Amino acid sequence: MKVAIPINGDRIAPRLSLAKEVVVAELKGRREVGRERLNISGLYPMEIPDFLASKGVTKVIAAGVDWYLQEIFRLHNIDVTWGIMGNVDEVLNFYLTEGLQMGMGLCPPRRSRRRFRGFHF
């Protein structure tokens, strides 16, 4: 399994569409067996899902992902967990040992139609 994490430095980028690089970690069971950094600065946001799919990525862990990118990832059979912020190594370690759920970080998923009226959860 390959997991992609959009980064700025050694931290998860606040928005996938603004990231210049992604870390792609290859996982076997509960351990990391390989890692590479890929430059995505020359790609339009709509090209990122296809690029990551071509690298064998099946999961993306990110802070913020635009809704239309989430749909394109889904079409490429890539699962997206968003709302996660922090250091890449710490997040990967937590993913391998504890598991991650959407909205565990500072960006919880919105669950109500009230968000269109200006309320945020």
Protein backbone atom coordinates (compact mmCIF):
# COMPACT_ATOMS: atom_id res chain seq x y z
CA MET A 1 0.00 0.00 0.00
CA LYS A 2 1.23 3.49 -0.80
CA VAL A 3 0.19 6.54 1.18
CA ALA A 4 0.69 10.10 -0.09
CA ILE A 5 0.98 13.10 2.22
CA PRO A 6 1.21 16.64 0.79
CA ILE A 7 3.93 18.56 2.60
CA ASN A 8 5.50 21.93 3.27
CA GLY A 9 8.90 21.21 4.81
CA ASP A 10 8.39 18.35 7.26
CA ARG A 11 4.75 19.18 8.05
CA ILE A 12 1.49 18.39 6.30
CA ALA A 13 0.55 21.20 3.93
CA PRO A 14 -2.58 23.13 4.96
CA ARG A 15 -4.16 22.55 1.51
CA LEU A 16 -3.34 19.79 -0.95
CA SER A 17 -3.75 22.12 -3.90
CA LEU A 18 -1.04 24.45 -2.49
CA ALA A 19 1.59 21.80 -1.70
CA LYS A 20 4.84 21.74 -3.66
CA GLU A 21 5.77 18.16 -2.71
CA VAL A 22 4.22 14.93 -1.48
CA VAL A 23 5.77 12.19 0.58
CA VAL A 24 4.83 8.76 -0.73
CA ALA A 25 5.35 6.08 1.90
CA GLU A 26 5.15 2.41 1.00
CA LEU A 27 3.65 0.36 3.82
CA LYS A 28 3.61 -3.36 4.45
CA GLY A 29 1.37 -4.28 7.32
CA ARG A 30 2.16 -1.94 10.19
CA ARG A 31 5.58 -0.80 9.03
CA GLU A 32 7.06 1.56 6.51
CA VAL A 33 9.33 -0.09 3.94
CA GLY A 34 10.09 2.83 1.65
CA ARG A 35 9.63 6.54 1.19
CA GLU A 36 10.12 9.07 -1.56
CA ARG A 37 9.46 12.79 -2.02
CA LEU A 38 7.80 13.79 -5.26
CA ASN A 39 7.67 17.29 -6.67
CA ILE A 40 4.13 18.29 -7.67
CA SER A 41 4.76 22.02 -8.10
CA GLY A 42 4.37 21.78 -11.89
CA LEU A 43 0.94 20.11 -11.70
CA TYR A 44 -2.46 21.73 -11.70
CA PRO A 45 -4.57 20.56 -8.74
CA MET A 46 -6.81 18.54 -11.06
CA GLU A 47 -3.75 16.59 -12.29
CA ILE A 48 -2.61 15.49 -8.82
CA PRO A 49 -5.03 12.53 -8.42
CA ASP A 50 -4.00 11.03 -11.79
CA PHE A 51 -0.30 11.56 -11.02
CA LEU A 52 -0.56 9.87 -7.60
CA ALA A 53 -2.61 7.01 -9.04
CA SER A 54 0.15 6.44 -11.62
CA LYS A 55 2.60 6.05 -8.70
CA GLY A 56 0.42 3.37 -7.10
CA VAL A 57 -0.98 5.52 -4.30
CA THR A 58 -4.16 4.16 -2.70
CA LYS A 59 -4.50 6.57 0.24
CA VAL A 60 -3.99 10.29 0.79
CA ILE A 61 -3.63 11.85 4.24
CA ALA A 62 -4.04 15.61 4.12
CA ALA A 63 -5.09 18.68 6.08
CA GLY A 64 -7.42 20.23 3.52
CA VAL A 65 -8.68 18.80 0.24
CA ASP A 66 -11.13 20.62 -2.01
CA TRP A 67 -14.40 18.71 -2.49
CA TYR A 68 -13.92 18.35 -6.24
CA LEU A 69 -10.43 16.85 -5.70
CA GLN A 70 -11.93 14.38 -3.22
CA GLU A 71 -14.33 13.24 -5.94
CA ILE A 72 -11.52 12.86 -8.49
CA PHE A 73 -9.47 10.85 -5.97
CA ARG A 74 -12.51 8.62 -5.42
CA LEU A 75 -12.74 8.04 -9.19
CA HIS A 76 -9.09 6.89 -9.09
CA ASN A 77 -9.88 4.51 -6.17
CA ILE A 78 -7.79 6.58 -3.77
CA ASP A 79 -9.14 6.96 -0.24
CA VAL A 80 -8.74 10.45 1.27
CA THR A 81 -8.47 11.17 4.99
CA TRP A 82 -8.45 14.91 5.50
CA GLY A 83 -8.41 17.19 8.52
CA ILE A 84 -5.03 15.88 9.69
CA MET A 85 -2.23 18.29 10.58
CA GLY A 86 1.23 17.86 12.04
CA ASN A 87 4.70 16.48 11.42
CA VAL A 88 4.81 13.87 8.64
CA ASP A 89 6.77 11.29 10.66
CA GLU A 90 4.45 11.63 13.66
CA VAL A 91 1.32 11.36 11.52
CA LEU A 92 2.63 8.27 9.69
CA ASN A 93 3.60 6.66 12.98
CA PHE A 94 0.17 7.36 14.43
CA TYR A 95 -1.49 6.01 11.26
CA LEU A 96 0.51 2.77 11.54
CA THR A 97 -0.04 2.26 15.27
CA GLU A 98 -3.39 3.84 16.15
CA GLY A 99 -5.11 4.60 12.88
CA LEU A 100 -6.44 7.92 11.66
CA GLN A 101 -9.98 9.10 11.18
CA MET A 102 -11.17 12.05 9.19
CA GLY A 103 -11.25 15.22 11.22
CA MET A 104 -8.99 14.06 14.06
CA GLY A 105 -6.89 17.16 13.63
CA LEU A 106 -7.86 20.81 13.71
CA CYS A 107 -10.21 20.54 10.71
CA PRO A 108 -13.23 18.44 11.71
CA PRO A 109 -15.59 17.43 8.88
CA ARG A 110 -18.72 19.52 8.60
CA ARG A 111 -21.83 17.57 9.40
CA SER A 112 -24.66 20.02 8.97
CA ARG A 113 -26.34 22.05 6.29
CA ARG A 114 -25.98 25.02 8.64
CA ARG A 115 -22.46 25.47 7.30
CA PHE A 116 -24.00 27.25 4.31
CA ARG A 117 -25.37 29.84 6.71
CA GLY A 118 -21.93 30.66 8.08
CA PHE A 119 -21.69 28.23 10.98
CA HIS A 120 -18.61 26.04 11.30
CA PHE A 121 -18.08 23.06 13.57
